[in-house]
Amino acid sequence: MCFEYDFTIDKDVVQFAHSLPYDLQDLKKMIENIKTNPKVVITSIGSTIMGRSIPMITISAENPNRIPRKAIVILGRQHPG
């Protein structure tokens, strides 16, 4: 991604976001859409300080022989500070 911005007003406050907002309602809709998929397991790994569940979404094929596999971890909706 590349863009240019012309700072034309001195002492003006300008903010840039590195991603589009993804709010709690977006997350709830996505979970609702995928929760019946047999390859998806949704569990909670804890609660936020506001008491909201922190979901862990595991997407995997069955592994009856428990063959070790590589994993990919994707974090989202975390806030700095």
C-alpha atoms as a PDB file:
ATOM      1  CA  MET A   1       0.000   0.000   0.000  1.00  0.00           C
ATOM      2  CA  CYS A   2       1.236   3.460  -0.821  1.00  0.00           C
ATOM      3  CA  PHE A   3      -0.303   6.897  -0.556  1.00  0.00           C
ATOM      4  CA  GLU A   4       0.641  10.538  -0.329  1.00  0.00           C
ATOM      5  CA  TYR A   5      -0.803  13.243   1.883  1.00  0.00           C
ATOM      6  CA  ASP A   6      -0.200  16.964   1.536  1.00  0.00           C
ATOM      7  CA  PHE A   7       0.013  18.600   4.977  1.00  0.00           C
ATOM      8  CA  THR A   8      -1.420  21.974   3.980  1.00  0.00           C
ATOM      9  CA  ILE A   9      -2.548  23.310   7.357  1.00  0.00           C
ATOM     10  CA  ASP A  10       0.132  24.009   9.970  1.00  0.00           C
ATOM     11  CA  LYS A  11      -0.466  22.560  13.443  1.00  0.00           C
ATOM     12  CA  ASP A  12      -3.456  20.528  12.228  1.00  0.00           C
ATOM     13  CA  VAL A  13      -4.066  17.069  13.677  1.00  0.00           C
ATOM     14  CA  VAL A  14      -4.047  14.282  11.096  1.00  0.00           C
ATOM     15  CA  GLN A  15      -4.663  10.616  11.895  1.00  0.00           C
ATOM     16  CA  PHE A  16      -4.074   7.578   9.698  1.00  0.00           C
ATOM     17  CA  ALA A  17      -5.457   4.076  10.256  1.00  0.00           C
ATOM     18  CA  HIS A  18      -3.545   1.030   9.095  1.00  0.00           C
ATOM     19  CA  SER A  19      -6.725  -1.020   8.699  1.00  0.00           C
ATOM     20  CA  LEU A  20     -10.465  -0.673   8.354  1.00  0.00           C
ATOM     21  CA  PRO A  21     -12.478  -0.741  11.591  1.00  0.00           C
ATOM     22  CA  TYR A  22     -13.733  -4.216  12.544  1.00  0.00           C
ATOM     23  CA  ASP A  23     -16.173  -3.825  15.394  1.00  0.00           C
ATOM     24  CA  LEU A  24     -17.748  -6.313  17.786  1.00  0.00           C
ATOM     25  CA  GLN A  25     -20.880  -6.628  15.637  1.00  0.00           C
ATOM     26  CA  ASP A  26     -18.728  -7.622  12.637  1.00  0.00           C
ATOM     27  CA  LEU A  27     -17.073 -10.317  14.759  1.00  0.00           C
ATOM     28  CA  LYS A  28     -20.423 -11.622  16.030  1.00  0.00           C
ATOM     29  CA  LYS A  29     -21.795 -11.825  12.462  1.00  0.00           C
ATOM     30  CA  MET A  30     -18.723 -13.701  11.262  1.00  0.00           C
ATOM     31  CA  ILE A  31     -18.930 -16.196  14.154  1.00  0.00           C
ATOM     32  CA  GLU A  32     -22.632 -16.718  13.487  1.00  0.00           C
ATOM     33  CA  ASN A  33     -21.886 -17.472   9.817  1.00  0.00           C
ATOM     34  CA  ILE A  34     -19.134 -20.024  10.492  1.00  0.00           C
ATOM     35  CA  LYS A  35     -20.224 -21.759  13.704  1.00  0.00           C
ATOM     36  CA  THR A  36     -22.101 -24.583  11.950  1.00  0.00           C
ATOM     37  CA  ASN A  37     -19.139 -25.518   9.743  1.00  0.00           C
ATOM     38  CA  PRO A  38     -17.873 -28.946  10.902  1.00  0.00           C
ATOM     39  CA  LYS A  39     -14.250 -27.821  10.481  1.00  0.00           C
ATOM     40  CA  VAL A  40     -14.744 -24.890  12.874  1.00  0.00           C
ATOM     41  CA  VAL A  41     -14.535 -25.045  16.671  1.00  0.00           C
ATOM     42  CA  ILE A  42     -15.238 -21.889  18.646  1.00  0.00           C
ATOM     43  CA  THR A  43     -14.110 -21.738  22.260  1.00  0.00           C
ATOM     44  CA  SER A  44     -13.388 -18.953  24.724  1.00  0.00           C
ATOM     45  CA  ILE A  45      -9.880 -18.275  25.985  1.00  0.00           C
ATOM     46  CA  GLY A  46     -11.000 -15.793  28.623  1.00  0.00           C
ATOM     47  CA  SER A  47     -12.858 -12.554  29.158  1.00  0.00           C
ATOM     48  CA  THR A  48     -12.085  -8.909  28.539  1.00  0.00           C
ATOM     49  CA  ILE A  49     -12.135  -6.415  31.400  1.00  0.00           C
ATOM     50  CA  MET A  50     -15.642  -5.563  30.164  1.00  0.00           C
ATOM     51  CA  GLY A  51     -16.706  -9.186  30.668  1.00  0.00           C
ATOM     52  CA  ARG A  52     -16.888 -10.055  26.969  1.00  0.00           C
ATOM     53  CA  SER A  53     -15.787 -13.489  25.842  1.00  0.00           C
ATOM     54  CA  ILE A  54     -12.506 -13.679  23.917  1.00  0.00           C
ATOM     55  CA  PRO A  55     -13.172 -16.229  21.177  1.00  0.00           C
ATOM     56  CA  MET A  56     -10.630 -18.650  19.829  1.00  0.00           C
ATOM     57  CA  ILE A  57     -11.648 -19.938  16.413  1.00  0.00           C
ATOM     58  CA  THR A  58      -9.966 -23.173  15.339  1.00  0.00           C
ATOM     59  CA  ILE A  59     -10.297 -24.207  11.713  1.00  0.00           C
ATOM     60  CA  SER A  60      -9.025 -27.698  11.068  1.00  0.00           C
ATOM     61  CA  ALA A  61      -9.758 -30.974   9.370  1.00  0.00           C
ATOM     62  CA  GLU A  62     -10.192 -34.035  11.558  1.00  0.00           C
ATOM     63  CA  ASN A  63      -6.943 -35.502  12.845  1.00  0.00           C
ATOM     64  CA  PRO A  64      -7.872 -38.897  14.365  1.00  0.00           C
ATOM     65  CA  ASN A  65      -4.256 -40.167  14.377  1.00  0.00           C
ATOM     66  CA  ARG A  66      -3.049 -36.973  16.104  1.00  0.00           C
ATOM     67  CA  ILE A  67      -0.352 -36.399  13.518  1.00  0.00           C
ATOM     68  CA  PRO A  68       1.652 -33.289  14.508  1.00  0.00           C
ATOM     69  CA  ARG A  69       0.837 -30.367  12.242  1.00  0.00           C
ATOM     70  CA  LYS A  70       2.055 -26.847  11.792  1.00  0.00           C
ATOM     71  CA  ALA A  71      -0.183 -24.050  13.034  1.00  0.00           C
ATOM     72  CA  ILE A  72      -0.908 -20.499  11.975  1.00  0.00           C
ATOM     73  CA  VAL A  73      -1.902 -17.984  14.633  1.00  0.00           C
ATOM     74  CA  ILE A  74      -3.820 -14.884  13.565  1.00  0.00           C
ATOM     75  CA  LEU A  75      -4.624 -12.158  16.083  1.00  0.00           C
ATOM     76  CA  GLY A  76      -7.297  -9.566  15.585  1.00  0.00           C
ATOM     77  CA  ARG A  77      -9.182  -6.798  17.334  1.00  0.00           C
ATOM     78  CA  GLN A  78      -6.404  -6.108  19.842  1.00  0.00           C
ATOM     79  CA  HIS A  79      -5.884  -2.573  21.026  1.00  0.00           C
ATOM     80  CA  PRO A  80      -2.599  -0.877  21.870  1.00  0.00           C
ATOM     81  CA  GLY A  81      -1.981   0.159  25.441  1.00  0.00           C
END
